[in-house]
């Protein structure tokens, strides 16, 4: 399939702010929020700007309606319009913890194929009771290579293989049992719960949140010596910074901490 530069379309992705939390909404309900080139590019552009904004401390990613978070790639549109380059696809911006700002998926419905991979690229997931997850790529002669094939990092190998090879949908409750989602709620509670979780994260020290996210992702890939060295370096850096002293003072004085102006976290890669 051809790749080309596609201009972002503000009509396919909307952005709202809740204090230090940004909410991005995929807005293509007429096609079950399928991802065409313009939508992928718009998501990438929004995320890039938000990730560079120190006033944004957490991001919620959701979609319009209650049918689908995303039915995956819009194959009809992509057959003619092409895909953005690999480096400018949102899933590759977010996956593996590369993105400094915590991202929470508010899964309002079915997340299929590329939609499921977008959910997997997020750090935390809140799902509606009726949501389902599936990787049907093998039925189309392709592989779920932008995150789906990384499922063994999050699930037992046999379970991940069944999802990838059989292509059968996974219910929200089963995803919760497997630890693939954090919460399963009635549909109307999903977005408020995701925003509330994001606000809780946003209320903590930005430096400590960024360091914790980086170290946890590194634990999946680094060797023991690398992990220990990274943890020591992060601890020394945080203790030398202003937030550790402020956190202790706020605890003693029984008040809310006043964190230092946040800085944009650097990539772990």
Protein backbone atom coordinates (compact mmCIF):
# COMPACT_ATOMS: atom_id res chain seq x y z
CA UNK A 1 0.00 0.00 0.00
CA UNK A 2 1.33 3.42 -0.92
CA UNK A 3 2.51 5.79 1.77
CA UNK A 4 2.16 9.51 1.50
CA UNK A 5 2.00 12.69 3.52
CA UNK A 6 -1.59 13.41 4.47
CA UNK A 7 -2.85 16.71 5.81
CA UNK A 8 -4.56 16.42 9.19
CA UNK A 9 -8.30 16.87 9.29
CA UNK A 10 -9.69 18.69 12.34
CA UNK A 11 -13.05 17.08 11.70
CA UNK A 12 -11.87 13.59 12.57
CA UNK A 13 -10.20 14.27 15.94
CA UNK A 14 -11.39 16.70 18.61
CA UNK A 15 -9.53 17.97 21.65
CA UNK A 16 -10.88 19.12 25.03
CA UNK A 17 -9.11 20.21 28.18
CA UNK A 18 -9.93 19.38 31.79
CA UNK A 19 -7.27 21.34 33.65
CA UNK A 20 -4.01 19.46 33.18
CA UNK A 21 -5.78 16.62 31.35
CA UNK A 22 -6.35 16.62 27.58
CA UNK A 23 -9.05 14.45 26.00
CA UNK A 24 -8.65 13.40 22.37
CA UNK A 25 -11.72 11.96 20.65
CA UNK A 26 -11.73 10.06 17.37
CA UNK A 27 -14.84 11.45 15.67
CA UNK A 28 -15.89 9.19 12.77
CA UNK A 29 -18.90 7.34 14.18
CA UNK A 30 -20.42 6.84 10.71
CA UNK A 31 -17.61 4.36 9.96
CA UNK A 32 -17.26 2.98 13.51
CA UNK A 33 -14.37 5.39 14.08
CA UNK A 34 -12.22 3.60 11.51
CA UNK A 35 -8.76 5.08 11.06
CA UNK A 36 -8.10 6.67 7.69
CA UNK A 37 -4.90 8.50 6.82
CA UNK A 38 -6.21 11.92 7.84
CA UNK A 39 -7.33 10.64 11.25
CA UNK A 40 -4.03 8.90 11.92
CA UNK A 41 -2.16 12.05 10.95
CA UNK A 42 -4.44 14.24 13.08
CA UNK A 43 -3.94 11.98 16.10
CA UNK A 44 -0.19 12.11 15.62
CA UNK A 45 -0.22 15.90 15.35
CA UNK A 46 -2.41 16.35 18.44
CA UNK A 47 -0.31 13.93 20.49
CA UNK A 48 2.94 15.54 19.39
CA UNK A 49 1.75 18.99 20.44
CA UNK A 50 0.30 17.76 23.73
CA UNK A 51 3.41 15.76 24.54
CA UNK A 52 5.51 18.89 24.17
CA UNK A 53 3.17 20.97 26.38
CA UNK A 54 4.37 20.93 30.02
CA UNK A 55 0.92 22.03 31.21
CA UNK A 56 -0.55 18.72 29.97
CA UNK A 57 0.19 16.03 32.52
CA UNK A 58 -2.07 13.23 31.26
CA UNK A 59 -4.05 12.42 28.10
CA UNK A 60 -7.27 10.46 27.61
CA UNK A 61 -7.90 8.89 24.21
CA UNK A 62 -11.47 7.93 23.34
CA UNK A 63 -13.98 7.94 20.46
CA UNK A 64 -17.46 9.16 19.61
CA UNK A 65 -20.54 7.04 20.28
CA UNK A 66 -20.96 3.70 22.02
CA UNK A 67 -20.50 1.30 19.10
CA UNK A 68 -16.75 1.31 18.55
CA UNK A 69 -13.56 2.80 19.89
CA UNK A 70 -12.21 2.01 16.44
CA UNK A 71 -12.96 -0.68 13.88
CA UNK A 72 -9.33 -0.47 12.80
CA UNK A 73 -7.86 0.82 9.58
CA UNK A 74 -10.32 2.26 7.09
CA UNK A 75 -9.31 -0.06 4.27
CA UNK A 76 -11.47 1.66 1.66
CA UNK A 77 -9.94 5.06 2.34
CA UNK A 78 -6.42 3.76 2.76
CA UNK A 79 -6.57 1.91 -0.55
CA UNK A 80 -6.74 5.27 -2.29
CA UNK A 81 -5.20 7.72 0.19
CA UNK A 82 -2.37 5.59 1.60
CA UNK A 83 -0.92 5.48 5.10
CA UNK A 84 1.22 8.05 6.87
CA UNK A 85 4.87 7.08 7.18
CA UNK A 86 5.69 4.66 10.00
CA UNK A 87 7.31 7.38 12.08
CA UNK A 88 4.16 9.53 11.99
CA UNK A 89 1.60 6.91 12.97
CA UNK A 90 0.19 7.48 16.47
CA UNK A 91 0.57 3.86 17.58
CA UNK A 92 4.31 4.02 16.93
CA UNK A 93 4.54 7.31 18.81
CA UNK A 94 2.88 5.82 21.89
CA UNK A 95 3.95 2.17 22.01
CA UNK A 96 6.70 0.79 24.25
CA UNK A 97 6.39 3.71 26.66
CA UNK A 98 8.26 6.06 24.33
CA UNK A 99 5.75 8.86 24.91
CA UNK A 100 6.54 10.78 28.08
CA UNK A 101 3.00 11.83 29.04
CA UNK A 102 0.76 9.09 30.50
CA UNK A 103 -2.06 8.13 28.12
CA UNK A 104 -5.31 6.44 29.16
CA UNK A 105 -7.61 4.74 26.66
CA UNK A 106 -11.33 5.19 27.38
CA UNK A 107 -12.62 2.29 25.31
CA UNK A 108 -16.26 3.08 24.53
CA UNK A 109 -16.91 0.07 22.26
CA UNK A 110 -15.25 -2.43 19.96
CA UNK A 111 -11.51 -2.06 19.42
CA UNK A 112 -10.61 -4.12 16.38
CA UNK A 113 -7.31 -4.59 14.54
CA UNK A 114 -5.52 -1.25 14.42
CA UNK A 115 -8.03 0.08 16.94
CA UNK A 116 -6.99 -2.62 19.40
CA UNK A 117 -3.33 -1.85 18.71
CA UNK A 118 -3.99 1.82 19.49
CA UNK A 119 -5.53 0.77 22.81
CA UNK A 120 -2.53 -1.47 23.53
CA UNK A 121 -0.19 1.46 22.87
CA UNK A 122 -1.83 3.43 25.70
CA UNK A 123 -0.53 3.07 29.25
CA UNK A 124 -3.84 2.45 31.04
CA UNK A 125 -7.27 1.29 29.81
CA UNK A 126 -10.81 1.81 31.03
CA UNK A 127 -13.36 -0.18 29.03
CA UNK A 128 -17.13 -0.26 28.64
CA UNK A 129 -18.87 -3.47 29.64
CA UNK A 130 -19.89 -4.14 26.05
CA UNK A 131 -16.43 -3.45 24.57
CA UNK A 132 -14.67 -6.22 22.68
CA UNK A 133 -11.10 -6.54 21.48
CA UNK A 134 -9.85 -8.48 18.48
CA UNK A 135 -6.94 -8.89 16.08
CA UNK A 136 -8.51 -10.24 12.84
CA UNK A 137 -5.46 -9.43 10.69
CA UNK A 138 -4.68 -13.09 9.92
CA UNK A 139 -8.07 -13.39 8.21
CA UNK A 140 -6.94 -10.63 5.84
CA UNK A 141 -3.57 -12.16 5.09
CA UNK A 142 -1.54 -9.74 7.23
CA UNK A 143 -0.07 -9.60 10.74
CA UNK A 144 -0.88 -7.24 13.61
CA UNK A 145 2.67 -5.94 13.54
CA UNK A 146 2.12 -2.49 15.11
CA UNK A 147 1.57 -3.71 18.65
CA UNK A 148 -0.64 -6.78 18.34
CA UNK A 149 2.31 -9.14 18.02
CA UNK A 150 3.72 -7.64 21.25
CA UNK A 151 0.85 -9.13 23.26
CA UNK A 152 3.15 -11.76 24.86
CA UNK A 153 4.71 -8.84 26.78
CA UNK A 154 1.37 -8.39 28.55
CA UNK A 155 -0.30 -11.80 28.46
CA UNK A 156 0.69 -15.46 28.79
CA UNK A 157 2.04 -16.67 25.46
CA UNK A 158 -0.73 -19.22 24.84
CA UNK A 159 -3.42 -16.59 25.46
CA UNK A 160 -1.69 -14.06 23.21
CA UNK A 161 -1.31 -16.66 20.47
CA UNK A 162 -4.99 -17.56 20.61
CA UNK A 163 -5.96 -13.90 20.23
CA UNK A 164 -3.54 -13.41 17.34
CA UNK A 165 -3.97 -16.71 15.50
CA UNK A 166 -7.68 -17.39 15.94
CA UNK A 167 -8.75 -13.77 15.64
CA UNK A 168 -11.67 -14.31 18.00
CA UNK A 169 -13.00 -11.32 19.99
CA UNK A 170 -12.03 -10.89 23.62
CA UNK A 171 -14.77 -9.56 25.90
CA UNK A 172 -14.13 -6.66 28.26
CA UNK A 173 -14.59 -8.91 31.29
CA UNK A 174 -12.11 -11.44 29.96
CA UNK A 175 -9.66 -8.61 29.22
CA UNK A 176 -10.09 -7.45 32.82
CA UNK A 177 -9.44 -10.96 34.14
CA UNK A 178 -6.27 -11.14 32.07
CA UNK A 179 -5.08 -7.74 33.30
CA UNK A 180 -5.26 -6.21 29.84
CA UNK A 181 -7.61 -3.44 31.01
CA UNK A 182 -7.67 -1.68 34.36
CA UNK A 183 -11.41 -1.24 34.79
CA UNK A 184 -14.67 -2.29 33.17
CA UNK A 185 -17.65 0.00 33.72
CA UNK A 186 -21.07 0.85 32.29
CA UNK A 187 -20.65 2.79 29.07
CA UNK A 188 -21.71 6.14 30.50
CA UNK A 189 -19.07 5.91 33.25
CA UNK A 190 -16.08 5.09 31.07
CA UNK A 191 -14.98 8.57 30.01
CA UNK A 192 -15.59 10.21 33.43
CA UNK A 193 -13.64 7.41 35.10
CA UNK A 194 -10.76 7.75 32.63
CA UNK A 195 -10.65 11.52 33.15
CA UNK A 196 -10.74 11.05 36.93
CA UNK A 197 -7.84 8.60 36.74
CA UNK A 198 -5.93 11.01 34.51
CA UNK A 199 -6.58 13.86 36.96
CA UNK A 200 -5.21 11.75 39.79
CA UNK A 201 -2.04 11.10 37.82
CA UNK A 202 -1.83 14.77 36.85
CA UNK A 203 -1.97 15.76 40.52
CA UNK A 204 1.31 14.02 41.34
CA UNK A 205 4.86 15.22 40.76
CA UNK A 206 5.39 15.37 36.98
CA UNK A 207 9.04 14.45 37.43
CA UNK A 208 8.21 11.43 39.58
CA UNK A 209 5.43 10.28 37.23
CA UNK A 210 7.72 10.50 34.21
CA UNK A 211 10.51 8.62 35.98
CA UNK A 212 8.17 5.91 37.22
CA UNK A 213 6.67 5.36 33.77
CA UNK A 214 10.13 5.17 32.19
CA UNK A 215 11.49 2.73 34.76
CA UNK A 216 8.47 0.44 34.56
CA UNK A 217 8.70 0.17 30.80
CA UNK A 218 12.44 -0.40 31.01
CA UNK A 219 11.79 -3.32 33.34
CA UNK A 220 10.23 -5.17 30.39
CA UNK A 221 13.37 -5.05 28.27
CA UNK A 222 16.47 -4.10 30.27
CA UNK A 223 18.78 -6.55 31.98
CA UNK A 224 19.14 -6.61 35.77
CA UNK A 225 22.24 -4.40 35.86
CA UNK A 226 20.68 -1.85 33.49
CA UNK A 227 17.49 -1.73 35.55
CA UNK A 228 19.33 -1.23 38.81
CA UNK A 229 21.52 1.51 37.37
CA UNK A 230 18.52 3.31 35.87
CA UNK A 231 16.64 3.13 39.19
CA UNK A 232 19.61 4.52 41.13
CA UNK A 233 20.09 7.34 38.65
CA UNK A 234 16.39 8.26 38.73
CA UNK A 235 16.31 8.22 42.53
CA UNK A 236 19.37 10.48 42.77
CA UNK A 237 17.89 12.84 40.18
CA UNK A 238 14.53 13.07 41.97
CA UNK A 239 16.07 13.52 45.41
CA UNK A 240 18.21 16.35 44.07
CA UNK A 241 15.20 18.05 42.49
CA UNK A 242 12.63 20.33 44.14
CA UNK A 243 9.67 17.96 44.19
CA UNK A 244 11.05 15.50 46.75
CA UNK A 245 11.51 18.28 49.31
CA UNK A 246 8.14 19.78 48.45
CA UNK A 247 6.40 16.41 48.80
CA UNK A 248 7.87 15.88 52.26
CA UNK A 249 7.03 19.43 53.35
CA UNK A 250 3.44 19.12 52.11
CA UNK A 251 3.03 15.86 54.01
CA UNK A 252 4.33 17.37 57.27
CA UNK A 253 2.25 20.54 56.84
CA UNK A 254 -0.85 18.56 55.80
CA UNK A 255 -1.42 20.51 52.59
CA UNK A 256 -1.49 19.86 48.87
CA UNK A 257 1.99 19.93 47.32
CA UNK A 258 3.00 22.70 44.96
CA UNK A 259 5.08 20.92 42.37
CA UNK A 260 7.79 22.63 40.37
CA UNK A 261 6.88 23.70 36.85
CA UNK A 262 6.79 20.43 34.91
CA UNK A 263 9.23 19.72 32.12
CA UNK A 264 8.51 17.53 29.15
CA UNK A 265 9.81 14.06 29.83
CA UNK A 266 12.49 12.77 27.51
CA UNK A 267 12.05 9.59 25.52
CA UNK A 268 13.25 6.37 27.09
CA UNK A 269 14.62 5.22 23.75
